[in-house]
Amino acid sequence: MGEHAEGRSDLELLEVEMGVLWQRDHRGRLHGAEELVLAVADDGVTAAVARTVPDDLAGDLLDRVARSTPSPPGRPPNVLKECQALLDQAMRGSSTVVGGPSYLASPSVRFGPGMPVLRSDRPGDVRRVRGLRPGNWQPGEWEELVGGGAGAPWAMIVDGGEVVSICHTPRRTAAGAEAGTWTAPSYRGRGYAAATTAVWTDLLSPHCPYLFYSTSADNRSSQRVAERLGLRRIGWLWKLTRAPGSDSSPGRGGRV
């Protein structure tokens, strides 16, 4: 088992990232839309189950995961299919599976964008972007972000009086933080996302033990950002989510 990042294995780092991305109750059960989250590293597999799943079924699922072996990168492990079948039967509906790679984004990295990157720790930069809200941000959300609330710290690139690329902090705990990136469609492919992500890591590295960057399997542009920055892939996260309109309660014939 290889060890990295202050002696933590890749699987342990994925467990930290899961704790950043998902709230859990005192039993370790998930709050949110996902019924099952599976983390797959070269050195093992682990999972978390939603609090809505009956206890005996949750125990069965976790036992199956504990006995499973890692799958090759990008391929859902066989145990995920087993868990999906059990959940669909018990919860009376269909579910969808999505997955993607996860990367360790700390310590801080460097990348030259060819143009300045604005930072949330500089008052002048904050004043500059306050009135430049992109259309995909709600006014209240934008004001909170630039004001240092939810989503901060952040790094942005401005061109032509518009914010064209952002890396912010959608999730953060005492254990770590997750990068959230966006670049205007007409500016993609220029390295702007990599540039803002590099500055984001510089902002957070002194204050946060672990920084993570994750994306979906079909988002090649986002994966290229990780490649440009030289981020180390620590594994894959697979999420099983109940389809809209499906009954979220266990059926009478289910495992309750």
Protein backbone atom coordinates (compact mmCIF):
# COMPACT_ATOMS: atom_id res chain seq x y z
CA MET A 1 0.00 0.00 0.00
CA GLY A 2 1.61 3.27 -1.11
CA GLU A 3 1.51 6.17 1.28
CA HIS A 4 1.48 9.86 0.40
CA ALA A 5 0.52 13.22 1.92
CA GLU A 6 1.81 12.95 5.47
CA GLY A 7 1.53 9.17 5.58
CA ARG A 8 -2.09 8.89 4.41
CA SER A 9 -2.90 6.29 1.79
CA ASP A 10 -4.91 7.23 -1.29
CA LEU A 11 -7.97 5.50 0.15
CA GLU A 12 -7.65 7.50 3.36
CA LEU A 13 -7.38 10.70 1.31
CA LEU A 14 -10.57 9.76 -0.55
CA GLU A 15 -12.28 9.23 2.79
CA VAL A 16 -11.21 12.74 3.81
CA GLU A 17 -12.60 14.11 0.55
CA MET A 18 -15.91 12.30 1.09
CA GLY A 19 -16.13 14.02 4.46
CA VAL A 20 -15.59 17.37 2.76
CA LEU A 21 -18.17 16.77 0.02
CA TRP A 22 -20.98 15.14 2.01
CA GLN A 23 -22.53 15.86 5.38
CA ARG A 24 -23.03 12.80 7.57
CA ASP A 25 -24.96 12.03 10.72
CA HIS A 26 -23.51 10.54 13.90
CA ARG A 27 -23.59 7.05 12.32
CA GLY A 28 -21.67 8.18 9.26
CA ARG A 29 -24.80 8.07 7.08
CA LEU A 30 -25.13 10.52 4.18
CA HIS A 31 -27.36 13.59 4.04
CA GLY A 32 -28.32 14.46 0.47
CA ALA A 33 -29.49 12.97 -2.79
CA GLU A 34 -26.94 10.17 -3.07
CA GLU A 35 -27.97 6.77 -1.72
CA LEU A 36 -24.47 5.36 -1.97
CA VAL A 37 -21.03 6.87 -2.53
CA LEU A 38 -18.19 4.53 -3.37
CA ALA A 39 -14.53 5.55 -3.25
CA VAL A 40 -12.07 3.41 -5.20
CA ALA A 41 -8.31 3.74 -4.85
CA ASP A 42 -5.51 1.42 -5.88
CA ASP A 43 -5.21 0.34 -2.25
CA GLY A 44 -8.87 -0.36 -1.47
CA VAL A 45 -12.56 0.49 -1.63
CA THR A 46 -14.79 2.25 0.89
CA ALA A 47 -18.36 3.55 0.90
CA ALA A 48 -20.97 5.63 2.67
CA VAL A 49 -24.73 4.99 2.60
CA ALA A 50 -27.64 7.42 2.88
CA ARG A 51 -29.55 7.72 6.14
CA THR A 52 -32.76 6.86 4.23
CA VAL A 53 -31.54 3.31 3.53
CA PRO A 54 -32.83 0.71 6.04
CA ASP A 55 -30.23 -0.30 8.59
CA ASP A 56 -29.94 -3.97 7.68
CA LEU A 57 -29.61 -3.14 3.98
CA ALA A 58 -27.01 -0.48 4.76
CA GLY A 59 -25.04 -3.02 6.75
CA ASP A 60 -25.24 -5.53 3.92
CA LEU A 61 -24.04 -2.96 1.38
CA LEU A 62 -21.09 -1.87 3.52
CA ASP A 63 -20.11 -5.50 4.18
CA ARG A 64 -20.10 -6.21 0.45
CA VAL A 65 -17.94 -3.16 -0.20
CA ALA A 66 -15.51 -4.14 2.56
CA ARG A 67 -15.02 -7.54 0.90
CA SER A 68 -14.60 -6.12 -2.61
CA THR A 69 -11.46 -5.33 -4.57
CA PRO A 70 -10.53 -2.17 -6.49
CA SER A 71 -11.43 -1.87 -10.15
CA PRO A 72 -9.24 -0.30 -12.87
CA PRO A 73 -9.48 3.51 -13.10
CA GLY A 74 -12.64 4.58 -14.89
CA ARG A 75 -14.42 1.23 -14.53
CA PRO A 76 -17.19 0.86 -11.92
CA PRO A 77 -16.35 -2.00 -9.55
CA ASN A 78 -18.58 -5.06 -9.67
CA VAL A 79 -19.72 -4.41 -6.10
CA LEU A 80 -21.33 -1.17 -7.25
CA LYS A 81 -23.60 -3.10 -9.61
CA GLU A 82 -24.51 -5.48 -6.78
CA CYS A 83 -25.33 -2.57 -4.47
CA GLN A 84 -27.38 -0.83 -7.15
CA ALA A 85 -29.48 -3.94 -7.74
CA LEU A 86 -30.17 -4.37 -4.00
CA LEU A 87 -31.05 -0.71 -3.55
CA ASP A 88 -33.32 -0.60 -6.59
CA GLN A 89 -35.19 -3.66 -5.35
CA ALA A 90 -35.56 -2.40 -1.80
CA MET A 91 -36.29 1.24 -2.59
CA ARG A 92 -38.76 0.47 -5.39
CA GLY A 93 -37.29 2.41 -8.28
CA SER A 94 -34.35 2.95 -10.56
CA SER A 95 -31.11 4.69 -9.77
CA THR A 96 -28.34 6.24 -11.81
CA VAL A 97 -24.59 5.90 -11.43
CA VAL A 98 -22.12 8.65 -12.20
CA GLY A 99 -18.45 8.74 -11.40
CA GLY A 100 -15.25 10.59 -11.96
CA PRO A 101 -11.64 10.94 -10.93
CA SER A 102 -10.46 12.73 -7.81
CA TYR A 103 -7.14 14.50 -7.45
CA LEU A 104 -5.06 15.86 -4.62
CA ALA A 105 -4.51 19.58 -5.25
CA SER A 106 -2.16 20.29 -2.38
CA PRO A 107 0.46 21.46 -1.70
CA SER A 108 0.08 24.60 -3.78
CA VAL A 109 0.91 24.38 -7.49
CA ARG A 110 2.08 26.90 -10.07
CA PHE A 111 0.74 27.76 -13.52
CA GLY A 112 1.33 30.79 -15.73
CA PRO A 113 -1.94 32.10 -17.26
CA GLY A 114 -0.51 34.93 -19.36
CA MET A 115 -2.79 37.39 -17.59
CA PRO A 116 -3.31 38.47 -13.96
CA VAL A 117 -5.38 36.39 -11.56
CA LEU A 118 -7.42 38.29 -8.96
CA ARG A 119 -7.47 36.98 -5.39
CA SER A 120 -9.98 37.18 -2.57
CA ASP A 121 -7.28 38.21 -0.09
CA ARG A 122 -6.65 41.51 -1.90
CA PRO A 123 -9.20 44.25 -1.11
CA GLY A 124 -8.61 45.95 -4.45
CA ASP A 125 -9.39 42.74 -6.32
CA VAL A 126 -12.57 42.26 -4.28
CA ARG A 127 -13.76 45.77 -5.18
CA ARG A 128 -12.98 45.17 -8.83
CA VAL A 129 -15.11 42.03 -9.21
CA ARG A 130 -18.03 43.02 -6.97
CA GLY A 131 -20.04 44.53 -9.81
CA LEU A 132 -19.00 41.96 -12.44
CA ARG A 133 -21.40 39.13 -11.54
CA PRO A 134 -21.57 36.43 -14.25
CA GLY A 135 -25.09 35.47 -15.31
CA ASN A 136 -24.82 31.96 -13.85
CA TRP A 137 -24.55 33.40 -10.30
CA GLN A 138 -27.51 34.71 -8.33
CA PRO A 139 -27.05 38.25 -6.91
CA GLY A 140 -27.14 37.11 -3.29
CA GLU A 141 -24.72 34.26 -3.94
CA TRP A 142 -22.30 36.57 -5.71
CA GLU A 143 -22.38 39.16 -2.97
CA GLU A 144 -21.72 36.46 -0.39
CA LEU A 145 -18.84 35.02 -2.43
CA VAL A 146 -17.02 38.28 -3.08
CA GLY A 147 -17.72 39.42 0.48
CA GLY A 148 -15.76 36.50 1.90
CA GLY A 149 -18.71 34.28 2.85
CA ALA A 150 -19.80 30.97 1.32
CA GLY A 151 -17.54 30.00 -1.57
CA ALA A 152 -14.50 31.98 -0.46
CA PRO A 153 -11.55 31.97 -0.85
CA TRP A 154 -11.62 32.44 -4.61
CA ALA A 155 -9.44 33.32 -7.60
CA MET A 156 -10.77 34.97 -10.79
CA ILE A 157 -9.66 36.20 -14.18
CA VAL A 158 -11.30 39.33 -15.63
CA ASP A 159 -11.16 40.23 -19.32
CA GLY A 160 -13.01 42.99 -21.10
CA GLY A 161 -14.85 44.03 -17.96
CA GLU A 162 -16.20 40.51 -17.37
CA VAL A 163 -15.30 37.71 -14.98
CA VAL A 164 -14.38 34.89 -17.37
CA SER A 165 -12.92 32.24 -15.03
CA ILE A 166 -13.38 31.36 -11.37
CA CYS A 167 -12.03 28.86 -8.90
CA HIS A 168 -13.84 29.00 -5.57
CA THR A 169 -14.51 26.85 -2.49
CA PRO A 170 -17.93 25.16 -2.66
CA ARG A 171 -17.10 22.78 0.22
CA ARG A 172 -14.73 23.21 3.14
CA THR A 173 -14.27 21.56 6.52
CA ALA A 174 -11.49 21.55 9.08
CA ALA A 175 -10.05 18.52 7.27
CA GLY A 176 -9.96 19.86 3.72
CA ALA A 177 -11.54 21.81 0.87
CA GLU A 178 -12.85 21.12 -2.62
CA ALA A 179 -12.14 23.25 -5.69
CA GLY A 180 -15.04 24.49 -7.79
CA THR A 181 -14.18 25.86 -11.23
CA TRP A 182 -16.02 27.67 -14.01
CA THR A 183 -14.82 29.30 -17.22
CA ALA A 184 -16.96 31.17 -19.75
CA PRO A 185 -17.45 28.97 -22.83
CA SER A 186 -15.67 31.34 -25.22
CA TYR A 187 -12.58 31.38 -22.97
CA ARG A 188 -12.16 27.66 -22.46
CA GLY A 189 -9.03 25.88 -23.64
CA ARG A 190 -6.74 28.83 -22.77
CA GLY A 191 -5.51 27.56 -19.43
CA TYR A 192 -7.61 29.98 -17.36
CA ALA A 193 -9.14 27.27 -15.17
CA ALA A 194 -5.68 25.91 -14.41
CA ALA A 195 -4.44 29.41 -13.59
CA THR A 196 -7.25 30.20 -11.16
CA THR A 197 -7.02 26.76 -9.57
CA ALA A 198 -3.29 27.24 -8.99
CA VAL A 199 -3.92 30.54 -7.21
CA TRP A 200 -6.75 28.94 -5.22
CA THR A 201 -4.34 26.29 -3.92
CA ASP A 202 -1.91 29.05 -2.96
CA LEU A 203 -4.64 30.81 -0.98
CA LEU A 204 -5.76 27.73 0.92
CA SER A 205 -2.65 25.57 1.33
CA PRO A 206 -1.37 27.42 4.44
CA HIS A 207 -4.74 27.03 6.18
CA CYS A 208 -6.22 23.72 5.01
CA PRO A 209 -4.66 20.26 5.40
CA TYR A 210 -5.88 18.78 2.11
CA LEU A 211 -7.17 20.35 -1.09
CA PHE A 212 -9.13 18.27 -3.59
CA TYR A 213 -10.16 18.60 -7.21
CA SER A 214 -12.72 16.17 -8.63
CA THR A 215 -14.72 15.97 -11.83
CA SER A 216 -16.91 13.64 -13.87
CA ALA A 217 -15.78 10.88 -16.19
CA ASP A 218 -17.08 12.65 -19.30
CA ASN A 219 -15.64 16.09 -18.48
CA ARG A 220 -12.39 15.88 -20.40
CA SER A 221 -11.75 19.63 -20.24
CA SER A 222 -11.83 19.49 -16.45
CA GLN A 223 -9.52 16.49 -16.45
CA ARG A 224 -7.11 18.42 -18.68
CA VAL A 225 -6.97 21.13 -16.01
CA ALA A 226 -5.74 18.53 -13.53
CA GLU A 227 -3.20 17.30 -16.08
CA ARG A 228 -1.92 20.82 -16.78
CA LEU A 229 -1.39 21.37 -13.09
CA GLY A 230 0.24 18.00 -12.56
CA LEU A 231 -2.27 17.01 -9.89
CA ARG A 232 -2.00 13.47 -8.58
CA ARG A 233 -5.05 11.29 -9.11
CA ILE A 234 -5.91 9.51 -5.87
CA GLY A 235 -8.84 7.45 -7.16
CA TRP A 236 -12.42 7.58 -8.33
CA LEU A 237 -15.70 8.51 -6.64
CA TRP A 238 -18.85 6.70 -7.80
CA LYS A 239 -22.27 8.07 -6.80
CA LEU A 240 -25.55 6.18 -6.92
CA THR A 241 -28.56 8.53 -6.95
CA ARG A 242 -32.27 7.78 -6.93
CA ALA A 243 -33.92 8.81 -10.21
CA PRO A 244 -36.39 11.73 -9.93
CA GLY A 245 -39.89 10.51 -9.15
CA SER A 246 -38.77 7.17 -7.73
CA ASP A 247 -40.20 6.11 -4.41
CA SER A 248 -37.53 6.68 -1.76
CA SER A 249 -39.22 4.47 0.82
CA PRO A 250 -38.53 0.73 1.05
CA GLY A 251 -41.19 -1.53 -0.46
CA ARG A 252 -43.07 -4.12 1.56
CA GLY A 253 -41.05 -6.86 -0.08
CA GLY A 254 -37.74 -5.04 0.38
CA ARG A 255 -35.01 -5.60 2.92
CA VAL A 256 -36.27 -3.59 5.87
